[in-house]
Amino acid sequence: SLAMLLPWNEYQNRHDLEVQLQSALKDFAFRTVRYRVTLERFDCLPEGAGVAMMRLAQNGVDWFKQQILVILMLG
């Protein structure tokens, strides 16, 4: 399983990224050891959504609906 956050302009191509990752992981090498990895689950969200989803999981839907959410990203 792989979860990642992408900038919005890159998020639009998330399906292409998933296909490329599946292909690359079939014959993956790390420190001269070869691995055959199967990507079973790929969760990709735009940046900022990860923070919101974490708070939703921690506090529940009712709490989340009552909040004003601001996400500030720097970098």
PDB file of N, CA and C in Angstrom:
ATOM      1  N   SER A   1       0.845  -1.182   0.000  1.00  0.00           N
ATOM      2  CA  SER A   1       0.000   0.000   0.000  1.00  0.00           C
ATOM      3  C   SER A   1       0.883   1.235   0.000  1.00  0.00           C
ATOM      4  N   LEU A   2       0.429   2.238  -0.714  1.00  0.00           N
ATOM      5  CA  LEU A   2       1.163   3.495  -0.791  1.00  0.00           C
ATOM      6  C   LEU A   2       0.165   4.632  -0.731  1.00  0.00           C
ATOM      7  N   ALA A   3       0.442   5.594   0.126  1.00  0.00           N
ATOM      8  CA  ALA A   3      -0.372   6.803   0.211  1.00  0.00           C
ATOM      9  C   ALA A   3       0.544   7.999  -0.017  1.00  0.00           C
ATOM     10  N   MET A   4       0.067   8.957  -0.779  1.00  0.00           N
ATOM     11  CA  MET A   4       0.893  10.129  -1.034  1.00  0.00           C
ATOM     12  C   MET A   4       0.032  11.353  -1.276  1.00  0.00           C
ATOM     13  N   LEU A   5       0.635  12.495  -1.005  1.00  0.00           N
ATOM     14  CA  LEU A   5       0.016  13.780  -1.269  1.00  0.00           C
ATOM     15  C   LEU A   5       0.773  14.429  -2.413  1.00  0.00           C
ATOM     16  N   LEU A   6       0.034  14.997  -3.348  1.00  0.00           N
ATOM     17  CA  LEU A   6       0.659  15.648  -4.489  1.00  0.00           C
ATOM     18  C   LEU A   6       0.143  17.071  -4.637  1.00  0.00           C
ATOM     19  N   PRO A   7       0.967  17.966  -5.159  1.00  0.00           N
ATOM     20  CA  PRO A   7       0.459  19.304  -5.500  1.00  0.00           C
ATOM     21  C   PRO A   7      -0.704  19.161  -6.488  1.00  0.00           C
ATOM     22  N   TRP A   8      -1.623  20.120  -6.446  1.00  0.00           N
ATOM     23  CA  TRP A   8      -2.840  20.012  -7.231  1.00  0.00           C
ATOM     24  C   TRP A   8      -2.559  19.770  -8.710  1.00  0.00           C
ATOM     25  N   ASN A   9      -1.589  20.471  -9.292  1.00  0.00           N
ATOM     26  CA  ASN A   9      -1.332  20.306 -10.723  1.00  0.00           C
ATOM     27  C   ASN A   9      -0.782  18.917 -11.042  1.00  0.00           C
ATOM     28  N   GLU A  10      -0.093  18.281 -10.111  1.00  0.00           N
ATOM     29  CA  GLU A  10       0.390  16.918 -10.313  1.00  0.00           C
ATOM     30  C   GLU A  10      -0.686  15.885  -9.966  1.00  0.00           C
ATOM     31  N   TYR A  11      -1.588  16.246  -9.077  1.00  0.00           N
ATOM     32  CA  TYR A  11      -2.669  15.346  -8.672  1.00  0.00           C
ATOM     33  C   TYR A  11      -3.544  14.967  -9.866  1.00  0.00           C
ATOM     34  N   GLN A  12      -3.656  15.863 -10.824  1.00  0.00           N
ATOM     35  CA  GLN A  12      -4.479  15.590 -12.002  1.00  0.00           C
ATOM     36  C   GLN A  12      -3.975  14.374 -12.774  1.00  0.00           C
ATOM     37  N   ASN A  13      -2.688  14.038 -12.640  1.00  0.00           N
ATOM     38  CA  ASN A  13      -2.091  12.906 -13.358  1.00  0.00           C
ATOM     39  C   ASN A  13      -1.855  11.700 -12.455  1.00  0.00           C
ATOM     40  N   ARG A  14      -2.597  11.591 -11.375  1.00  0.00           N
ATOM     41  CA  ARG A  14      -2.358  10.530 -10.393  1.00  0.00           C
ATOM     42  C   ARG A  14      -2.536   9.127 -10.981  1.00  0.00           C
ATOM     43  N   HIS A  15      -3.431   8.975 -11.933  1.00  0.00           N
ATOM     44  CA  HIS A  15      -3.655   7.651 -12.523  1.00  0.00           C
ATOM     45  C   HIS A  15      -2.436   7.211 -13.341  1.00  0.00           C
ATOM     46  N   ASP A  16      -1.841   8.150 -14.063  1.00  0.00           N
ATOM     47  CA  ASP A  16      -0.612   7.838 -14.807  1.00  0.00           C
ATOM     48  C   ASP A  16       0.508   7.466 -13.846  1.00  0.00           C
ATOM     49  N   LEU A  17       0.603   8.184 -12.732  1.00  0.00           N
ATOM     50  CA  LEU A  17       1.620   7.886 -11.733  1.00  0.00           C
ATOM     51  C   LEU A  17       1.430   6.485 -11.165  1.00  0.00           C
ATOM     52  N   GLU A  18       0.200   6.107 -10.888  1.00  0.00           N
ATOM     53  CA  GLU A  18      -0.071   4.773 -10.350  1.00  0.00           C
ATOM     54  C   GLU A  18       0.384   3.690 -11.323  1.00  0.00           C
ATOM     55  N   VAL A  19       0.096   3.870 -12.596  1.00  0.00           N
ATOM     56  CA  VAL A  19       0.507   2.892 -13.603  1.00  0.00           C
ATOM     57  C   VAL A  19       2.032   2.811 -13.670  1.00  0.00           C
ATOM     58  N   GLN A  20       2.702   3.952 -13.633  1.00  0.00           N
ATOM     59  CA  GLN A  20       4.165   3.975 -13.671  1.00  0.00           C
ATOM     60  C   GLN A  20       4.757   3.306 -12.438  1.00  0.00           C
ATOM     61  N   LEU A  21       4.174   3.538 -11.279  1.00  0.00           N
ATOM     62  CA  LEU A  21       4.658   2.911 -10.048  1.00  0.00           C
ATOM     63  C   LEU A  21       4.488   1.397 -10.101  1.00  0.00           C
ATOM     64  N   GLN A  22       3.343   0.941 -10.560  1.00  0.00           N
ATOM     65  CA  GLN A  22       3.108  -0.500 -10.662  1.00  0.00           C
ATOM     66  C   GLN A  22       4.157  -1.147 -11.553  1.00  0.00           C
ATOM     67  N   SER A  23       4.467  -0.510 -12.644  1.00  0.00           N
ATOM     68  CA  SER A  23       5.464  -1.040 -13.567  1.00  0.00           C
ATOM     69  C   SER A  23       6.863  -1.037 -12.949  1.00  0.00           C
ATOM     70  N   ALA A  24       7.234   0.067 -12.321  1.00  0.00           N
ATOM     71  CA  ALA A  24       8.576   0.192 -11.742  1.00  0.00           C
ATOM     72  C   ALA A  24       8.788  -0.758 -10.570  1.00  0.00           C
ATOM     73  N   LEU A  25       7.750  -1.020  -9.801  1.00  0.00           N
ATOM     74  CA  LEU A  25       7.893  -1.865  -8.610  1.00  0.00           C
ATOM     75  C   LEU A  25       7.982  -3.354  -8.945  1.00  0.00           C
ATOM     76  N   LYS A  26       7.610  -3.730 -10.150  1.00  0.00           N
ATOM     77  CA  LYS A  26       7.686  -5.144 -10.520  1.00  0.00           C
ATOM     78  C   LYS A  26       9.112  -5.664 -10.500  1.00  0.00           C
ATOM     79  N   ASP A  27      10.074  -4.778 -10.747  1.00  0.00           N
ATOM     80  CA  ASP A  27      11.483  -5.165 -10.740  1.00  0.00           C
ATOM     81  C   ASP A  27      12.280  -4.042 -10.079  1.00  0.00           C
ATOM     82  N   PHE A  28      12.146  -3.945  -8.761  1.00  0.00           N
ATOM     83  CA  PHE A  28      12.717  -2.858  -7.974  1.00  0.00           C
ATOM     84  C   PHE A  28      14.008  -3.318  -7.305  1.00  0.00           C
ATOM     85  N   ALA A  29      15.053  -2.496  -7.368  1.00  0.00           N
ATOM     86  CA  ALA A  29      16.331  -2.847  -6.741  1.00  0.00           C
ATOM     87  C   ALA A  29      16.689  -1.807  -5.691  1.00  0.00           C
ATOM     88  N   PHE A  30      17.142  -2.282  -4.537  1.00  0.00           N
ATOM     89  CA  PHE A  30      17.594  -1.416  -3.462  1.00  0.00           C
ATOM     90  C   PHE A  30      18.826  -2.045  -2.832  1.00  0.00           C
ATOM     91  N   ARG A  31      19.932  -1.312  -2.890  1.00  0.00           N
ATOM     92  CA  ARG A  31      21.210  -1.803  -2.356  1.00  0.00           C
ATOM     93  C   ARG A  31      21.568  -3.178  -2.918  1.00  0.00           C
ATOM     94  N   THR A  32      21.473  -3.279  -4.194  1.00  0.00           N
ATOM     95  CA  THR A  32      21.790  -4.481  -4.973  1.00  0.00           C
ATOM     96  C   THR A  32      20.865  -5.672  -4.711  1.00  0.00           C
ATOM     97  N   VAL A  33      19.817  -5.499  -3.964  1.00  0.00           N
ATOM     98  CA  VAL A  33      18.840  -6.573  -3.746  1.00  0.00           C
ATOM     99  C   VAL A  33      17.621  -6.270  -4.611  1.00  0.00           C
ATOM    100  N   ARG A  34      17.189  -7.257  -5.381  1.00  0.00           N
ATOM    101  CA  ARG A  34      16.040  -7.088  -6.254  1.00  0.00           C
ATOM    102  C   ARG A  34      14.760  -7.530  -5.535  1.00  0.00           C
ATOM    103  N   TYR A  35      13.721  -6.737  -5.702  1.00  0.00           N
ATOM    104  CA  TYR A  35      12.425  -7.019  -5.088  1.00  0.00           C
ATOM    105  C   TYR A  35      11.357  -7.028  -6.171  1.00  0.00           C
ATOM    106  N   ARG A  36      10.405  -7.910  -6.026  1.00  0.00           N
ATOM    107  CA  ARG A  36       9.218  -7.908  -6.882  1.00  0.00           C
ATOM    108  C   ARG A  36       8.059  -7.462  -5.989  1.00  0.00           C
ATOM    109  N   VAL A  37       7.641  -6.239  -6.175  1.00  0.00           N
ATOM    110  CA  VAL A  37       6.633  -5.623  -5.313  1.00  0.00           C
ATOM    111  C   VAL A  37       5.341  -5.458  -6.102  1.00  0.00           C
ATOM    112  N   THR A  38       4.228  -5.819  -5.478  1.00  0.00           N
ATOM    113  CA  THR A  38       2.917  -5.604  -6.077  1.00  0.00           C
ATOM    114  C   THR A  38       2.221  -4.475  -5.330  1.00  0.00           C
ATOM    115  N   LEU A  39       1.856  -3.442  -6.039  1.00  0.00           N
ATOM    116  CA  LEU A  39       1.153  -2.319  -5.447  1.00  0.00           C
ATOM    117  C   LEU A  39      -0.322  -2.696  -5.344  1.00  0.00           C
ATOM    118  N   GLU A  40      -0.758  -3.051  -4.142  1.00  0.00           N
ATOM    119  CA  GLU A  40      -2.138  -3.500  -3.940  1.00  0.00           C
ATOM    120  C   GLU A  40      -3.101  -2.349  -3.733  1.00  0.00           C
ATOM    121  N   ARG A  41      -2.600  -1.259  -3.156  1.00  0.00           N
ATOM    122  CA  ARG A  41      -3.487  -0.121  -2.866  1.00  0.00           C
ATOM    123  C   ARG A  41      -2.706   1.163  -3.057  1.00  0.00           C
ATOM    124  N   PHE A  42      -3.307   2.123  -3.743  1.00  0.00           N
ATOM    125  CA  PHE A  42      -2.678   3.408  -4.004  1.00  0.00           C
ATOM    126  C   PHE A  42      -3.661   4.498  -3.624  1.00  0.00           C
ATOM    127  N   ASP A  43      -3.398   5.189  -2.540  1.00  0.00           N
ATOM    128  CA  ASP A  43      -4.233   6.301  -2.093  1.00  0.00           C
ATOM    129  C   ASP A  43      -3.481   7.587  -2.374  1.00  0.00           C
ATOM    130  N   CYS A  44      -4.056   8.421  -3.197  1.00  0.00           N
ATOM    131  CA  CYS A  44      -3.407   9.665  -3.577  1.00  0.00           C
ATOM    132  C   CYS A  44      -4.415  10.800  -3.414  1.00  0.00           C
ATOM    133  N   LEU A  45      -4.013  11.821  -2.690  1.00  0.00           N
ATOM    134  CA  LEU A  45      -4.866  12.985  -2.453  1.00  0.00           C
ATOM    135  C   LEU A  45      -4.084  14.245  -2.759  1.00  0.00           C
ATOM    136  N   PRO A  46      -4.779  15.328  -3.051  1.00  0.00           N
ATOM    137  CA  PRO A  46      -4.060  16.588  -3.206  1.00  0.00           C
ATOM    138  C   PRO A  46      -3.526  17.047  -1.858  1.00  0.00           C
ATOM    139  N   GLU A  47      -2.418  17.769  -1.878  1.00  0.00           N
ATOM    140  CA  GLU A  47      -1.840  18.253  -0.626  1.00  0.00           C
ATOM    141  C   GLU A  47      -2.892  19.029   0.152  1.00  0.00           C
ATOM    142  N   GLY A  48      -2.831  18.925   1.452  1.00  0.00           N
ATOM    143  CA  GLY A  48      -3.798  19.601   2.310  1.00  0.00           C
ATOM    144  C   GLY A  48      -4.941  18.685   2.699  1.00  0.00           C
ATOM    145  N   ALA A  49      -5.391  17.862   1.790  1.00  0.00           N
ATOM    146  CA  ALA A  49      -6.482  16.935   2.081  1.00  0.00           C
ATOM    147  C   ALA A  49      -6.050  15.911   3.115  1.00  0.00           C
ATOM    148  N   GLY A  50      -4.768  15.567   3.124  1.00  0.00           N
ATOM    149  CA  GLY A  50      -4.272  14.601   4.100  1.00  0.00           C
ATOM    150  C   GLY A  50      -4.451  15.094   5.518  1.00  0.00           C
ATOM    151  N   VAL A  51      -4.196  16.365   5.734  1.00  0.00           N
ATOM    152  CA  VAL A  51      -4.373  16.958   7.061  1.00  0.00           C
ATOM    153  C   VAL A  51      -5.847  16.933   7.446  1.00  0.00           C
ATOM    154  N   ALA A  52      -6.705  17.294   6.506  1.00  0.00           N
ATOM    155  CA  ALA A  52      -8.140  17.304   6.779  1.00  0.00           C
ATOM    156  C   ALA A  52      -8.654  15.896   7.079  1.00  0.00           C
ATOM    157  N   MET A  53      -8.208  14.914   6.326  1.00  0.00           N
ATOM    158  CA  MET A  53      -8.655  13.544   6.544  1.00  0.00           C
ATOM    159  C   MET A  53      -8.179  13.004   7.889  1.00  0.00           C
ATOM    160  N   MET A  54      -6.990  13.410   8.313  1.00  0.00           N
ATOM    161  CA  MET A  54      -6.474  12.979   9.607  1.00  0.00           C
ATOM    162  C   MET A  54      -7.362  13.519  10.738  1.00  0.00           C
ATOM    163  N   ARG A  55      -7.721  14.785  10.648  1.00  0.00           N
ATOM    164  CA  ARG A  55      -8.593  15.390  11.668  1.00  0.00           C
ATOM    165  C   ARG A  55      -9.982  14.748  11.654  1.00  0.00           C
ATOM    166  N   LEU A  56     -10.483  14.441  10.492  1.00  0.00           N
ATOM    167  CA  LEU A  56     -11.779  13.776  10.379  1.00  0.00           C
ATOM    168  C   LEU A  56     -11.742  12.423  11.078  1.00  0.00           C
ATOM    169  N   ALA A  57     -10.690  11.659  10.847  1.00  0.00           N
ATOM    170  CA  ALA A  57     -10.561  10.340  11.477  1.00  0.00           C
ATOM    171  C   ALA A  57     -10.430  10.458  12.993  1.00  0.00           C
ATOM    172  N   GLN A  58      -9.741  11.479  13.465  1.00  0.00           N
ATOM    173  CA  GLN A  58      -9.521  11.646  14.901  1.00  0.00           C
ATOM    174  C   GLN A  58     -10.784  12.102  15.631  1.00  0.00           C
ATOM    175  N   ASN A  59     -11.557  13.003  14.992  1.00  0.00           N
ATOM    176  CA  ASN A  59     -12.642  13.661  15.711  1.00  0.00           C
ATOM    177  C   ASN A  59     -14.046  13.328  15.232  1.00  0.00           C
ATOM    178  N   GLY A  60     -14.175  12.669  14.108  1.00  0.00           N
ATOM    179  CA  GLY A  60     -15.491  12.269  13.623  1.00  0.00           C
ATOM    180  C   GLY A  60     -16.132  13.267  12.669  1.00  0.00           C
ATOM    181  N   VAL A  61     -17.130  12.790  11.954  1.00  0.00           N
ATOM    182  CA  VAL A  61     -17.792  13.580  10.923  1.00  0.00           C
ATOM    183  C   VAL A  61     -18.555  14.761  11.510  1.00  0.00           C
ATOM    184  N   ASP A  62     -19.275  14.554  12.604  1.00  0.00           N
ATOM    185  CA  ASP A  62     -20.062  15.647  13.186  1.00  0.00           C
ATOM    186  C   ASP A  62     -19.169  16.810  13.590  1.00  0.00           C
ATOM    187  N   TRP A  63     -18.059  16.512  14.242  1.00  0.00           N
ATOM    188  CA  TRP A  63     -17.106  17.562  14.628  1.00  0.00           C
ATOM    189  C   TRP A  63     -16.577  18.270  13.391  1.00  0.00           C
ATOM    190  N   PHE A  64     -16.232  17.477  12.381  1.00  0.00           N
ATOM    191  CA  PHE A  64     -15.623  18.021  11.169  1.00  0.00           C
ATOM    192  C   PHE A  64     -16.570  18.986  10.452  1.00  0.00           C
ATOM    193  N   LYS A  65     -17.850  18.647  10.404  1.00  0.00           N
ATOM    194  CA  LYS A  65     -18.833  19.490   9.718  1.00  0.00           C
ATOM    195  C   LYS A  65     -19.021  20.839  10.398  1.00  0.00           C
ATOM    196  N   GLN A  66     -18.712  20.926  11.679  1.00  0.00           N
ATOM    197  CA  GLN A  66     -18.899  22.166  12.427  1.00  0.00           C
ATOM    198  C   GLN A  66     -17.676  23.077  12.387  1.00  0.00           C
ATOM    199  N   GLN A  67     -16.611  22.660  11.744  1.00  0.00           N
ATOM    200  CA  GLN A  67     -15.375  23.402  11.752  1.00  0.00           C
ATOM    201  C   GLN A  67     -15.229  24.277  10.506  1.00  0.00           C
ATOM    202  N   ILE A  68     -14.447  25.324  10.657  1.00  0.00           N
ATOM    203  CA  ILE A  68     -13.984  26.104   9.522  1.00  0.00           C
ATOM    204  C   ILE A  68     -12.551  25.653   9.290  1.00  0.00           C
ATOM    205  N   LEU A  69     -12.288  25.166   8.121  1.00  0.00           N
ATOM    206  CA  LEU A  69     -10.995  24.570   7.823  1.00  0.00           C
ATOM    207  C   LEU A  69     -10.174  25.497   6.949  1.00  0.00           C
ATOM    208  N   VAL A  70      -8.951  25.770   7.407  1.00  0.00           N
ATOM    209  CA  VAL A  70      -7.996  26.550   6.634  1.00  0.00           C
ATOM    210  C   VAL A  70      -6.717  25.741   6.572  1.00  0.00           C
ATOM    211  N   ILE A  71      -6.216  25.543   5.385  1.00  0.00           N
ATOM    212  CA  ILE A  71      -4.954  24.825   5.224  1.00  0.00           C
ATOM    213  C   ILE A  71      -3.953  25.766   4.602  1.00  0.00           C
ATOM    214  N   LEU A  72      -2.870  26.002   5.296  1.00  0.00           N
ATOM    215  CA  LEU A  72      -1.804  26.882   4.831  1.00  0.00           C
ATOM    216  C   LEU A  72      -0.595  26.025   4.506  1.00  0.00           C
ATOM    217  N   MET A  73      -0.151  26.109   3.274  1.00  0.00           N
ATOM    218  CA  MET A  73       1.003  25.298   2.865  1.00  0.00           C
ATOM    219  C   MET A  73       2.121  26.240   2.431  1.00  0.00           C
ATOM    220  N   LEU A  74       3.295  25.999   2.927  1.00  0.00           N
ATOM    221  CA  LEU A  74       4.460  26.801   2.592  1.00  0.00           C
ATOM    222  C   LEU A  74       5.525  25.904   1.994  1.00  0.00           C
ATOM    223  N   GLY A  75       6.269  26.427   1.099  1.00  0.00           N
ATOM    224  CA  GLY A  75       7.391  25.643   0.588  1.00  0.00           C
ATOM    225  C   GLY A  75       7.483  25.662  -0.899  1.00  0.00           C
TER     226      GLY A  75
END
